[in-house]
Amino acid sequence: MLSLKLLVVLSASMGAALPVGSLAFVVPQTEYHVGDVVTFEIPNSEELLTHRVVRVKGAMDEVRVYETRGDANNAVDDWTLTSGAIVGKVVFHLPFLGYLLYLPQVVLTAVF
């Protein structure tokens, strides 16, 4: 069974690779590699973020640790991740389609 999550991109940290308002299709993987764009839970938070894996530490038989960075950011993120924090890899995205899902929620919240 395919475990697919649809997420709306709300931040410009991925630049043109994943524009704000895109609808991202995220699928869990058994392992992640440098260059993969992944969605993860920010350490000590329940907030999700999507950035690119820029470094993988640890051998195949060890716990792997991932460093990430937004394409539009100048520095790597302040944290490292293990596979348990990663929701999945962005396998596809549709630019701006996320606005159709996100904006009605904003309008309803503002009205009610």
PDB file of N, CA and C in Angstrom:
ATOM      1  N   MET A   1       0.841  -1.192   0.000  1.00  0.00           N
ATOM      2  CA  MET A   1       0.000   0.000   0.000  1.00  0.00           C
ATOM      3  C   MET A   1       0.883   1.251   0.000  1.00  0.00           C
ATOM      4  N   LEU A   2       0.588   2.166  -0.881  1.00  0.00           N
ATOM      5  CA  LEU A   2       1.344   3.402  -1.003  1.00  0.00           C
ATOM      6  C   LEU A   2       0.890   4.390   0.066  1.00  0.00           C
ATOM      7  N   SER A   3       1.829   4.900   0.829  1.00  0.00           N
ATOM      8  CA  SER A   3       1.536   5.891   1.855  1.00  0.00           C
ATOM      9  C   SER A   3       1.911   7.261   1.305  1.00  0.00           C
ATOM     10  N   LEU A   4       0.944   7.969   0.792  1.00  0.00           N
ATOM     11  CA  LEU A   4       1.167   9.253   0.135  1.00  0.00           C
ATOM     12  C   LEU A   4       0.586  10.371   0.976  1.00  0.00           C
ATOM     13  N   LYS A   5       1.368  11.424   1.160  1.00  0.00           N
ATOM     14  CA  LYS A   5       0.875  12.630   1.830  1.00  0.00           C
ATOM     15  C   LYS A   5       0.921  13.775   0.823  1.00  0.00           C
ATOM     16  N   LEU A   6      -0.124  14.576   0.824  1.00  0.00           N
ATOM     17  CA  LEU A   6      -0.168  15.785  -0.003  1.00  0.00           C
ATOM     18  C   LEU A   6       0.015  16.975   0.930  1.00  0.00           C
ATOM     19  N   LEU A   7       1.032  17.774   0.664  1.00  0.00           N
ATOM     20  CA  LEU A   7       1.343  18.906   1.529  1.00  0.00           C
ATOM     21  C   LEU A   7       1.464  20.178   0.701  1.00  0.00           C
ATOM     22  N   VAL A   8       1.035  21.279   1.277  1.00  0.00           N
ATOM     23  CA  VAL A   8       1.107  22.581   0.610  1.00  0.00           C
ATOM     24  C   VAL A   8       2.384  23.290   1.068  1.00  0.00           C
ATOM     25  N   VAL A   9       3.163  23.789   0.123  1.00  0.00           N
ATOM     26  CA  VAL A   9       4.399  24.506   0.423  1.00  0.00           C
ATOM     27  C   VAL A   9       4.047  25.938   0.831  1.00  0.00           C
ATOM     28  N   LEU A  10       4.456  26.325   2.058  1.00  0.00           N
ATOM     29  CA  LEU A  10       4.112  27.640   2.596  1.00  0.00           C
ATOM     30  C   LEU A  10       5.326  28.556   2.740  1.00  0.00           C
ATOM     31  N   SER A  11       6.518  28.045   2.484  1.00  0.00           N
ATOM     32  CA  SER A  11       7.752  28.798   2.686  1.00  0.00           C
ATOM     33  C   SER A  11       8.544  28.853   1.380  1.00  0.00           C
ATOM     34  N   ALA A  12       9.303  29.914   1.209  1.00  0.00           N
ATOM     35  CA  ALA A  12      10.114  30.082   0.001  1.00  0.00           C
ATOM     36  C   ALA A  12      11.515  29.502   0.148  1.00  0.00           C
ATOM     37  N   SER A  13      11.761  28.718   1.192  1.00  0.00           N
ATOM     38  CA  SER A  13      13.119  28.229   1.461  1.00  0.00           C
ATOM     39  C   SER A  13      13.659  27.281   0.401  1.00  0.00           C
ATOM     40  N   MET A  14      12.802  26.696  -0.419  1.00  0.00           N
ATOM     41  CA  MET A  14      13.266  25.800  -1.483  1.00  0.00           C
ATOM     42  C   MET A  14      13.367  26.506  -2.825  1.00  0.00           C
ATOM     43  N   GLY A  15      13.083  27.796  -2.863  1.00  0.00           N
ATOM     44  CA  GLY A  15      13.236  28.572  -4.088  1.00  0.00           C
ATOM     45  C   GLY A  15      12.430  28.013  -5.248  1.00  0.00           C
ATOM     46  N   ALA A  16      13.013  28.058  -6.435  1.00  0.00           N
ATOM     47  CA  ALA A  16      12.316  27.633  -7.652  1.00  0.00           C
ATOM     48  C   ALA A  16      12.096  26.124  -7.724  1.00  0.00           C
ATOM     49  N   ALA A  17      12.843  25.366  -6.942  1.00  0.00           N
ATOM     50  CA  ALA A  17      12.680  23.905  -6.967  1.00  0.00           C
ATOM     51  C   ALA A  17      11.323  23.475  -6.421  1.00  0.00           C
ATOM     52  N   LEU A  18      10.781  24.263  -5.502  1.00  0.00           N
ATOM     53  CA  LEU A  18       9.495  23.953  -4.878  1.00  0.00           C
ATOM     54  C   LEU A  18       8.846  25.276  -4.465  1.00  0.00           C
ATOM     55  N   PRO A  19       8.220  25.973  -5.414  1.00  0.00           N
ATOM     56  CA  PRO A  19       7.696  27.317  -5.135  1.00  0.00           C
ATOM     57  C   PRO A  19       6.573  27.330  -4.094  1.00  0.00           C
ATOM     58  N   VAL A  20       6.458  28.455  -3.412  1.00  0.00           N
ATOM     59  CA  VAL A  20       5.350  28.649  -2.474  1.00  0.00           C
ATOM     60  C   VAL A  20       4.046  28.396  -3.206  1.00  0.00           C
ATOM     61  N   GLY A  21       3.134  27.688  -2.551  1.00  0.00           N
ATOM     62  CA  GLY A  21       1.842  27.373  -3.138  1.00  0.00           C
ATOM     63  C   GLY A  21       1.814  26.058  -3.890  1.00  0.00           C
ATOM     64  N   SER A  22       2.953  25.414  -4.005  1.00  0.00           N
ATOM     65  CA  SER A  22       2.983  24.113  -4.689  1.00  0.00           C
ATOM     66  C   SER A  22       2.295  23.047  -3.838  1.00  0.00           C
ATOM     67  N   LEU A  23       1.769  22.050  -4.505  1.00  0.00           N
ATOM     68  CA  LEU A  23       1.238  20.870  -3.831  1.00  0.00           C
ATOM     69  C   LEU A  23       2.301  19.788  -3.982  1.00  0.00           C
ATOM     70  N   ALA A  24       2.871  19.358  -2.849  1.00  0.00           N
ATOM     71  CA  ALA A  24       3.949  18.370  -2.857  1.00  0.00           C
ATOM     72  C   ALA A  24       3.390  16.987  -2.546  1.00  0.00           C
ATOM     73  N   PHE A  25       3.815  16.008  -3.320  1.00  0.00           N
ATOM     74  CA  PHE A  25       3.444  14.615  -3.122  1.00  0.00           C
ATOM     75  C   PHE A  25       4.615  13.945  -2.396  1.00  0.00           C
ATOM     76  N   VAL A  26       4.399  13.528  -1.157  1.00  0.00           N
ATOM     77  CA  VAL A  26       5.469  13.026  -0.296  1.00  0.00           C
ATOM     78  C   VAL A  26       5.230  11.549   0.004  1.00  0.00           C
ATOM     79  N   VAL A  27       6.263  10.729  -0.239  1.00  0.00           N
ATOM     80  CA  VAL A  27       6.165   9.281  -0.045  1.00  0.00           C
ATOM     81  C   VAL A  27       7.333   8.824   0.835  1.00  0.00           C
ATOM     82  N   PRO A  28       7.061   8.045   1.907  1.00  0.00           N
ATOM     83  CA  PRO A  28       8.149   7.508   2.735  1.00  0.00           C
ATOM     84  C   PRO A  28       9.059   6.588   1.921  1.00  0.00           C
ATOM     85  N   GLN A  29      10.355   6.601   2.263  1.00  0.00           N
ATOM     86  CA  GLN A  29      11.353   5.756   1.604  1.00  0.00           C
ATOM     87  C   GLN A  29      12.073   4.935   2.680  1.00  0.00           C
ATOM     88  N   THR A  30      12.727   3.869   2.280  1.00  0.00           N
ATOM     89  CA  THR A  30      13.502   3.091   3.240  1.00  0.00           C
ATOM     90  C   THR A  30      14.833   3.763   3.553  1.00  0.00           C
ATOM     91  N   GLU A  31      15.339   4.566   2.627  1.00  0.00           N
ATOM     92  CA  GLU A  31      16.545   5.347   2.872  1.00  0.00           C
ATOM     93  C   GLU A  31      16.503   6.608   2.014  1.00  0.00           C
ATOM     94  N   TYR A  32      17.313   7.574   2.423  1.00  0.00           N
ATOM     95  CA  TYR A  32      17.351   8.856   1.729  1.00  0.00           C
ATOM     96  C   TYR A  32      18.791   9.151   1.312  1.00  0.00           C
ATOM     97  N   HIS A  33      18.937   9.936   0.250  1.00  0.00           N
ATOM     98  CA  HIS A  33      20.246  10.194  -0.332  1.00  0.00           C
ATOM     99  C   HIS A  33      20.478  11.691  -0.502  1.00  0.00           C
ATOM    100  N   VAL A  34      21.742  12.064  -0.637  1.00  0.00           N
ATOM    101  CA  VAL A  34      22.085  13.459  -0.929  1.00  0.00           C
ATOM    102  C   VAL A  34      21.357  13.861  -2.210  1.00  0.00           C
ATOM    103  N   GLY A  35      20.710  15.012  -2.157  1.00  0.00           N
ATOM    104  CA  GLY A  35      19.954  15.514  -3.301  1.00  0.00           C
ATOM    105  C   GLY A  35      18.461  15.300  -3.184  1.00  0.00           C
ATOM    106  N   ASP A  36      18.041  14.351  -2.341  1.00  0.00           N
ATOM    107  CA  ASP A  36      16.605  14.131  -2.148  1.00  0.00           C
ATOM    108  C   ASP A  36      15.982  15.337  -1.451  1.00  0.00           C
ATOM    109  N   VAL A  37      14.795  15.706  -1.875  1.00  0.00           N
ATOM    110  CA  VAL A  37      14.021  16.733  -1.189  1.00  0.00           C
ATOM    111  C   VAL A  37      13.061  15.990  -0.262  1.00  0.00           C
ATOM    112  N   VAL A  38      13.202  16.248   1.041  1.00  0.00           N
ATOM    113  CA  VAL A  38      12.442  15.499   2.035  1.00  0.00           C
ATOM    114  C   VAL A  38      11.625  16.425   2.924  1.00  0.00           C
ATOM    115  N   THR A  39      10.507  15.897   3.397  1.00  0.00           N
ATOM    116  CA  THR A  39       9.697  16.596   4.386  1.00  0.00           C
ATOM    117  C   THR A  39       9.957  15.935   5.717  1.00  0.00           C
ATOM    118  N   PHE A  40      10.150  16.741   6.738  1.00  0.00           N
ATOM    119  CA  PHE A  40      10.488  16.206   8.060  1.00  0.00           C
ATOM    120  C   PHE A  40       9.874  17.059   9.151  1.00  0.00           C
ATOM    121  N   GLU A  41       9.837  16.469  10.342  1.00  0.00           N
ATOM    122  CA  GLU A  41       9.381  17.197  11.515  1.00  0.00           C
ATOM    123  C   GLU A  41      10.587  17.914  12.111  1.00  0.00           C
ATOM    124  N   ILE A  42      10.462  19.210  12.293  1.00  0.00           N
ATOM    125  CA  ILE A  42      11.547  19.992  12.888  1.00  0.00           C
ATOM    126  C   ILE A  42      11.782  19.474  14.305  1.00  0.00           C
ATOM    127  N   PRO A  43      13.043  19.212  14.680  1.00  0.00           N
ATOM    128  CA  PRO A  43      13.323  18.735  16.040  1.00  0.00           C
ATOM    129  C   PRO A  43      12.723  19.641  17.110  1.00  0.00           C
ATOM    130  N   ASN A  44      12.144  19.021  18.122  1.00  0.00           N
ATOM    131  CA  ASN A  44      11.506  19.719  19.249  1.00  0.00           C
ATOM    132  C   ASN A  44      10.317  20.562  18.809  1.00  0.00           C
ATOM    133  N   SER A  45       9.665  20.152  17.757  1.00  0.00           N
ATOM    134  CA  SER A  45       8.509  20.860  17.214  1.00  0.00           C
ATOM    135  C   SER A  45       7.603  19.841  16.530  1.00  0.00           C
ATOM    136  N   GLU A  46       6.391  20.226  16.276  1.00  0.00           N
ATOM    137  CA  GLU A  46       5.498  19.377  15.488  1.00  0.00           C
ATOM    138  C   GLU A  46       5.327  19.941  14.082  1.00  0.00           C
ATOM    139  N   GLU A  47       6.075  20.991  13.784  1.00  0.00           N
ATOM    140  CA  GLU A  47       5.982  21.656  12.485  1.00  0.00           C
ATOM    141  C   GLU A  47       6.747  20.868  11.425  1.00  0.00           C
ATOM    142  N   LEU A  48       6.160  20.778  10.227  1.00  0.00           N
ATOM    143  CA  LEU A  48       6.826  20.108   9.113  1.00  0.00           C
ATOM    144  C   LEU A  48       7.560  21.120   8.255  1.00  0.00           C
ATOM    145  N   LEU A  49       8.676  20.676   7.678  1.00  0.00           N
ATOM    146  CA  LEU A  49       9.488  21.511   6.804  1.00  0.00           C
ATOM    147  C   LEU A  49       9.998  20.634   5.663  1.00  0.00           C
ATOM    148  N   THR A  50      10.190  21.223   4.508  1.00  0.00           N
ATOM    149  CA  THR A  50      10.697  20.481   3.353  1.00  0.00           C
ATOM    150  C   THR A  50      11.988  21.130   2.878  1.00  0.00           C
ATOM    151  N   HIS A  51      13.097  20.370   2.942  1.00  0.00           N
ATOM    152  CA  HIS A  51      14.410  20.828   2.505  1.00  0.00           C
ATOM    153  C   HIS A  51      15.133  19.696   1.798  1.00  0.00           C
ATOM    154  N   ARG A  52      16.268  20.014   1.213  1.00  0.00           N
ATOM    155  CA  ARG A  52      17.076  19.039   0.484  1.00  0.00           C
ATOM    156  C   ARG A  52      18.124  18.402   1.406  1.00  0.00           C
ATOM    157  N   VAL A  53      18.332  17.098   1.268  1.00  0.00           N
ATOM    158  CA  VAL A  53      19.403  16.402   1.990  1.00  0.00           C
ATOM    159  C   VAL A  53      20.732  16.813   1.342  1.00  0.00           C
ATOM    160  N   VAL A  54      21.647  17.345   2.163  1.00  0.00           N
ATOM    161  CA  VAL A  54      22.939  17.789   1.628  1.00  0.00           C
ATOM    162  C   VAL A  54      24.095  16.929   2.127  1.00  0.00           C
ATOM    163  N   ARG A  55      23.843  16.121   3.159  1.00  0.00           N
ATOM    164  CA  ARG A  55      24.893  15.238   3.672  1.00  0.00           C
ATOM    165  C   ARG A  55      24.259  14.091   4.432  1.00  0.00           C
ATOM    166  N   VAL A  56      24.837  12.908   4.257  1.00  0.00           N
ATOM    167  CA  VAL A  56      24.398  11.722   4.987  1.00  0.00           C
ATOM    168  C   VAL A  56      25.605  11.174   5.738  1.00  0.00           C
ATOM    169  N   LYS A  57      25.445  10.966   7.050  1.00  0.00           N
ATOM    170  CA  LYS A  57      26.525  10.409   7.868  1.00  0.00           C
ATOM    171  C   LYS A  57      26.095   9.036   8.369  1.00  0.00           C
ATOM    172  N   GLY A  58      27.040   8.126   8.459  1.00  0.00           N
ATOM    173  CA  GLY A  58      26.759   6.791   8.970  1.00  0.00           C
ATOM    174  C   GLY A  58      26.779   5.756   7.876  1.00  0.00           C
ATOM    175  N   ALA A  59      27.355   4.617   8.180  1.00  0.00           N
ATOM    176  CA  ALA A  59      27.417   3.516   7.225  1.00  0.00           C
ATOM    177  C   ALA A  59      26.051   2.849   7.126  1.00  0.00           C
ATOM    178  N   MET A  60      25.907   1.981   6.131  1.00  0.00           N
ATOM    179  CA  MET A  60      24.627   1.323   5.878  1.00  0.00           C
ATOM    180  C   MET A  60      24.124   0.549   7.100  1.00  0.00           C
ATOM    181  N   ASP A  61      25.029  -0.008   7.914  1.00  0.00           N
ATOM    182  CA  ASP A  61      24.602  -0.802   9.069  1.00  0.00           C
ATOM    183  C   ASP A  61      24.508   0.034  10.347  1.00  0.00           C
ATOM    184  N   GLU A  62      24.697   1.339  10.233  1.00  0.00           N
ATOM    185  CA  GLU A  62      24.607   2.241  11.374  1.00  0.00           C
ATOM    186  C   GLU A  62      23.363   3.122  11.239  1.00  0.00           C
ATOM    187  N   VAL A  63      23.051   3.814  12.316  1.00  0.00           N
ATOM    188  CA  VAL A  63      21.980   4.811  12.237  1.00  0.00           C
ATOM    189  C   VAL A  63      22.475   5.937  11.339  1.00  0.00           C
ATOM    190  N   ARG A  64      21.698   6.249  10.341  1.00  0.00           N
ATOM    191  CA  ARG A  64      22.097   7.319   9.413  1.00  0.00           C
ATOM    192  C   ARG A  64      21.575   8.653   9.927  1.00  0.00           C
ATOM    193  N   VAL A  65      22.404   9.667   9.768  1.00  0.00           N
ATOM    194  CA  VAL A  65      22.071  11.019  10.201  1.00  0.00           C
ATOM    195  C   VAL A  65      22.120  11.905   8.962  1.00  0.00           C
ATOM    196  N   TYR A  66      21.101  12.748   8.825  1.00  0.00           N
ATOM    197  CA  TYR A  66      20.952  13.574   7.621  1.00  0.00           C
ATOM    198  C   TYR A  66      21.074  15.050   7.963  1.00  0.00           C
ATOM    199  N   GLU A  67      21.816  15.775   7.126  1.00  0.00           N
ATOM    200  CA  GLU A  67      21.852  17.232   7.197  1.00  0.00           C
ATOM    201  C   GLU A  67      21.025  17.765   6.039  1.00  0.00           C
ATOM    202  N   THR A  68      20.287  18.832   6.281  1.00  0.00           N
ATOM    203  CA  THR A  68      19.405  19.393   5.258  1.00  0.00           C
ATOM    204  C   THR A  68      19.650  20.900   5.115  1.00  0.00           C
ATOM    205  N   ARG A  69      19.176  21.410   3.992  1.00  0.00           N
ATOM    206  CA  ARG A  69      19.263  22.856   3.729  1.00  0.00           C
ATOM    207  C   ARG A  69      18.225  23.214   2.694  1.00  0.00           C
ATOM    208  N   GLY A  70      17.569  24.335   2.887  1.00  0.00           N
ATOM    209  CA  GLY A  70      16.687  24.866   1.864  1.00  0.00           C
ATOM    210  C   GLY A  70      17.520  25.401   0.716  1.00  0.00           C
ATOM    211  N   ASP A  71      17.091  25.166  -0.514  1.00  0.00           N
ATOM    212  CA  ASP A  71      17.857  25.625  -1.680  1.00  0.00           C
ATOM    213  C   ASP A  71      18.092  27.134  -1.672  1.00  0.00           C
ATOM    214  N   ALA A  72      17.170  27.884  -1.123  1.00  0.00           N
ATOM    215  CA  ALA A  72      17.290  29.343  -1.102  1.00  0.00           C
ATOM    216  C   ALA A  72      18.016  29.856   0.143  1.00  0.00           C
ATOM    217  N   ASN A  73      18.439  28.953   1.015  1.00  0.00           N
ATOM    218  CA  ASN A  73      19.134  29.338   2.246  1.00  0.00           C
ATOM    219  C   ASN A  73      20.650  29.271   2.039  1.00  0.00           C
ATOM    220  N   ASN A  74      21.379  30.086   2.794  1.00  0.00           N
ATOM    221  CA  ASN A  74      22.834  30.148   2.666  1.00  0.00           C
ATOM    222  C   ASN A  74      23.569  29.115   3.507  1.00  0.00           C
ATOM    223  N   ALA A  75      22.910  28.548   4.495  1.00  0.00           N
ATOM    224  CA  ALA A  75      23.582  27.632   5.419  1.00  0.00           C
ATOM    225  C   ALA A  75      22.737  26.381   5.642  1.00  0.00           C
ATOM    226  N   VAL A  76      23.412  25.322   6.098  1.00  0.00           N
ATOM    227  CA  VAL A  76      22.673  24.107   6.444  1.00  0.00           C
ATOM    228  C   VAL A  76      21.806  24.398   7.661  1.00  0.00           C
ATOM    229  N   ASP A  77      20.789  23.560   7.844  1.00  0.00           N
ATOM    230  CA  ASP A  77      19.900  23.723   9.001  1.00  0.00           C
ATOM    231  C   ASP A  77      20.672  23.511  10.300  1.00  0.00           C
ATOM    232  N   ASP A  78      20.155  24.055  11.391  1.00  0.00           N
ATOM    233  CA  ASP A  78      20.817  23.992  12.701  1.00  0.00           C
ATOM    234  C   ASP A  78      20.708  22.625  13.369  1.00  0.00           C
ATOM    235  N   TRP A  79      20.072  21.688  12.742  1.00  0.00           N
ATOM    236  CA  TRP A  79      19.842  20.372  13.340  1.00  0.00           C
ATOM    237  C   TRP A  79      20.248  19.275  12.366  1.00  0.00           C
ATOM    238  N   THR A  80      20.327  18.066  12.893  1.00  0.00           N
ATOM    239  CA  THR A  80      20.474  16.882  12.056  1.00  0.00           C
ATOM    240  C   THR A  80      19.258  16.007  12.304  1.00  0.00           C
ATOM    241  N   LEU A  81      18.992  15.100  11.373  1.00  0.00           N
ATOM    242  CA  LEU A  81      17.803  14.260  11.438  1.00  0.00           C
ATOM    243  C   LEU A  81      18.181  12.791  11.343  1.00  0.00           C
ATOM    244  N   THR A  82      17.358  11.957  11.946  1.00  0.00           N
ATOM    245  CA  THR A  82      17.427  10.521  11.689  1.00  0.00           C
ATOM    246  C   THR A  82      16.211  10.169  10.839  1.00  0.00           C
ATOM    247  N   SER A  83      16.190   8.964  10.315  1.00  0.00           N
ATOM    248  CA  SER A  83      15.075   8.547   9.450  1.00  0.00           C
ATOM    249  C   SER A  83      13.729   8.687  10.132  1.00  0.00           C
ATOM    250  N   GLY A  84      13.689   8.512  11.447  1.00  0.00           N
ATOM    251  CA  GLY A  84      12.431   8.601  12.183  1.00  0.00           C
ATOM    252  C   GLY A  84      11.766   9.957  12.118  1.00  0.00           C
ATOM    253  N   ALA A  85      12.555  11.014  11.895  1.00  0.00           N
ATOM    254  CA  ALA A  85      11.996  12.363  11.818  1.00  0.00           C
ATOM    255  C   ALA A  85      11.519  12.712  10.416  1.00  0.00           C
ATOM    256  N   ILE A  86      11.915  11.908   9.430  1.00  0.00           N
ATOM    257  CA  ILE A  86      11.586  12.221   8.042  1.00  0.00           C
ATOM    258  C   ILE A  86      10.250  11.588   7.661  1.00  0.00           C
ATOM    259  N   VAL A  87       9.335  12.410   7.186  1.00  0.00           N
ATOM    260  CA  VAL A  87       8.007  11.963   6.749  1.00  0.00           C
ATOM    261  C   VAL A  87       8.120  11.233   5.416  1.00  0.00           C
ATOM    262  N   GLY A  88       8.940  11.780   4.508  1.00  0.00           N
ATOM    263  CA  GLY A  88       9.105  11.152   3.206  1.00  0.00           C
ATOM    264  C   GLY A  88       9.803  12.060   2.218  1.00  0.00           C
ATOM    265  N   LYS A  89       9.974  11.530   1.023  1.00  0.00           N
ATOM    266  CA  LYS A  89      10.634  12.240  -0.075  1.00  0.00           C
ATOM    267  C   LYS A  89       9.580  12.870  -0.980  1.00  0.00           C
ATOM    268  N   VAL A  90       9.834  14.084  -1.424  1.00  0.00           N
ATOM    269  CA  VAL A  90       8.958  14.727  -2.399  1.00  0.00           C
ATOM    270  C   VAL A  90       9.242  14.057  -3.746  1.00  0.00           C
ATOM    271  N   VAL A  91       8.250  13.348  -4.257  1.00  0.00           N
ATOM    272  CA  VAL A  91       8.429  12.618  -5.514  1.00  0.00           C
ATOM    273  C   VAL A  91       7.847  13.366  -6.706  1.00  0.00           C
ATOM    274  N   PHE A  92       7.021  14.377  -6.420  1.00  0.00           N
ATOM    275  CA  PHE A  92       6.356  15.118  -7.482  1.00  0.00           C
ATOM    276  C   PHE A  92       5.765  16.368  -6.856  1.00  0.00           C
ATOM    277  N   HIS A  93       5.638  17.417  -7.619  1.00  0.00           N
ATOM    278  CA  HIS A  93       4.912  18.588  -7.115  1.00  0.00           C
ATOM    279  C   HIS A  93       4.202  19.291  -8.271  1.00  0.00           C
ATOM    280  N   LEU A  94       3.133  19.963  -7.922  1.00  0.00           N
ATOM    281  CA  LEU A  94       2.360  20.749  -8.884  1.00  0.00           C
ATOM    282  C   LEU A  94       2.395  22.203  -8.426  1.00  0.00           C
ATOM    283  N   PRO A  95       3.124  23.058  -9.151  1.00  0.00           N
ATOM    284  CA  PRO A  95       3.232  24.456  -8.750  1.00  0.00           C
ATOM    285  C   PRO A  95       1.858  25.130  -8.635  1.00  0.00           C
ATOM    286  N   PHE A  96       1.692  25.867  -7.559  1.00  0.00           N
ATOM    287  CA  PHE A  96       0.534  26.723  -7.295  1.00  0.00           C
ATOM    288  C   PHE A  96      -0.770  25.984  -7.007  1.00  0.00           C
ATOM    289  N   LEU A  97      -0.856  24.696  -7.237  1.00  0.00           N
ATOM    290  CA  LEU A  97      -2.094  23.962  -6.977  1.00  0.00           C
ATOM    291  C   LEU A  97      -2.418  23.922  -5.483  1.00  0.00           C
ATOM    292  N   GLY A  98      -1.414  24.021  -4.663  1.00  0.00           N
ATOM    293  CA  GLY A  98      -1.628  24.026  -3.217  1.00  0.00           C
ATOM    294  C   GLY A  98      -2.477  25.195  -2.748  1.00  0.00           C
ATOM    295  N   TYR A  99      -2.415  26.305  -3.471  1.00  0.00           N
ATOM    296  CA  TYR A  99      -3.247  27.455  -3.101  1.00  0.00           C
ATOM    297  C   TYR A  99      -4.729  27.087  -3.092  1.00  0.00           C
ATOM    298  N   LEU A 100      -5.148  26.236  -3.996  1.00  0.00           N
ATOM    299  CA  LEU A 100      -6.556  25.845  -4.059  1.00  0.00           C
ATOM    300  C   LEU A 100      -6.985  25.088  -2.804  1.00  0.00           C
ATOM    301  N   LEU A 101      -6.041  24.378  -2.187  1.00  0.00           N
ATOM    302  CA  LEU A 101      -6.362  23.648  -0.964  1.00  0.00           C
ATOM    303  C   LEU A 101      -6.181  24.495   0.283  1.00  0.00           C
ATOM    304  N   TYR A 102      -5.214  25.380   0.258  1.00  0.00           N
ATOM    305  CA  TYR A 102      -4.856  26.149   1.446  1.00  0.00           C
ATOM    306  C   TYR A 102      -5.706  27.408   1.634  1.00  0.00           C
ATOM    307  N   LEU A 103      -5.955  28.155   0.575  1.00  0.00           N
ATOM    308  CA  LEU A 103      -6.674  29.425   0.701  1.00  0.00           C
ATOM    309  C   LEU A 103      -8.080  29.293   1.269  1.00  0.00           C
ATOM    310  N   PRO A 104      -8.867  28.283   0.896  1.00  0.00           N
ATOM    311  CA  PRO A 104     -10.194  28.174   1.516  1.00  0.00           C
ATOM    312  C   PRO A 104     -10.120  28.025   3.033  1.00  0.00           C
ATOM    313  N   GLN A 105      -9.101  27.359   3.548  1.00  0.00           N
ATOM    314  CA  GLN A 105      -8.939  27.213   4.990  1.00  0.00           C
ATOM    315  C   GLN A 105      -8.651  28.558   5.642  1.00  0.00           C
ATOM    316  N   VAL A 106      -7.817  29.361   4.988  1.00  0.00           N
ATOM    317  CA  VAL A 106      -7.485  30.679   5.512  1.00  0.00           C
ATOM    318  C   VAL A 106      -8.713  31.563   5.526  1.00  0.00           C
ATOM    319  N   VAL A 107      -9.482  31.542   4.445  1.00  0.00           N
ATOM    320  CA  VAL A 107     -10.682  32.366   4.360  1.00  0.00           C
ATOM    321  C   VAL A 107     -11.697  31.930   5.401  1.00  0.00           C
ATOM    322  N   LEU A 108     -11.931  30.649   5.559  1.00  0.00           N
ATOM    323  CA  LEU A 108     -12.885  30.160   6.549  1.00  0.00           C
ATOM    324  C   LEU A 108     -12.437  30.527   7.968  1.00  0.00           C
ATOM    325  N   THR A 109     -11.153  30.433   8.227  1.00  0.00           N
ATOM    326  CA  THR A 109     -10.642  30.799   9.542  1.00  0.00           C
ATOM    327  C   THR A 109     -10.848  32.284   9.796  1.00  0.00           C
ATOM    328  N   ALA A 110     -10.639  33.109   8.792  1.00  0.00           N
ATOM    329  CA  ALA A 110     -10.784  34.554   8.950  1.00  0.00           C
ATOM    330  C   ALA A 110     -12.240  34.961   9.113  1.00  0.00           C
ATOM    331  N   VAL A 111     -13.148  34.247   8.470  1.00  0.00           N
ATOM    332  CA  VAL A 111     -14.570  34.604   8.506  1.00  0.00           C
ATOM    333  C   VAL A 111     -15.230  34.102   9.782  1.00  0.00           C
ATOM    334  N   PHE A 112     -14.862  32.925  10.206  1.00  0.00           N
ATOM    335  CA  PHE A 112     -15.539  32.332  11.365  1.00  0.00           C
ATOM    336  C   PHE A 112     -14.675  32.436  12.564  1.00  0.00           C
TER     337      PHE A 112
END
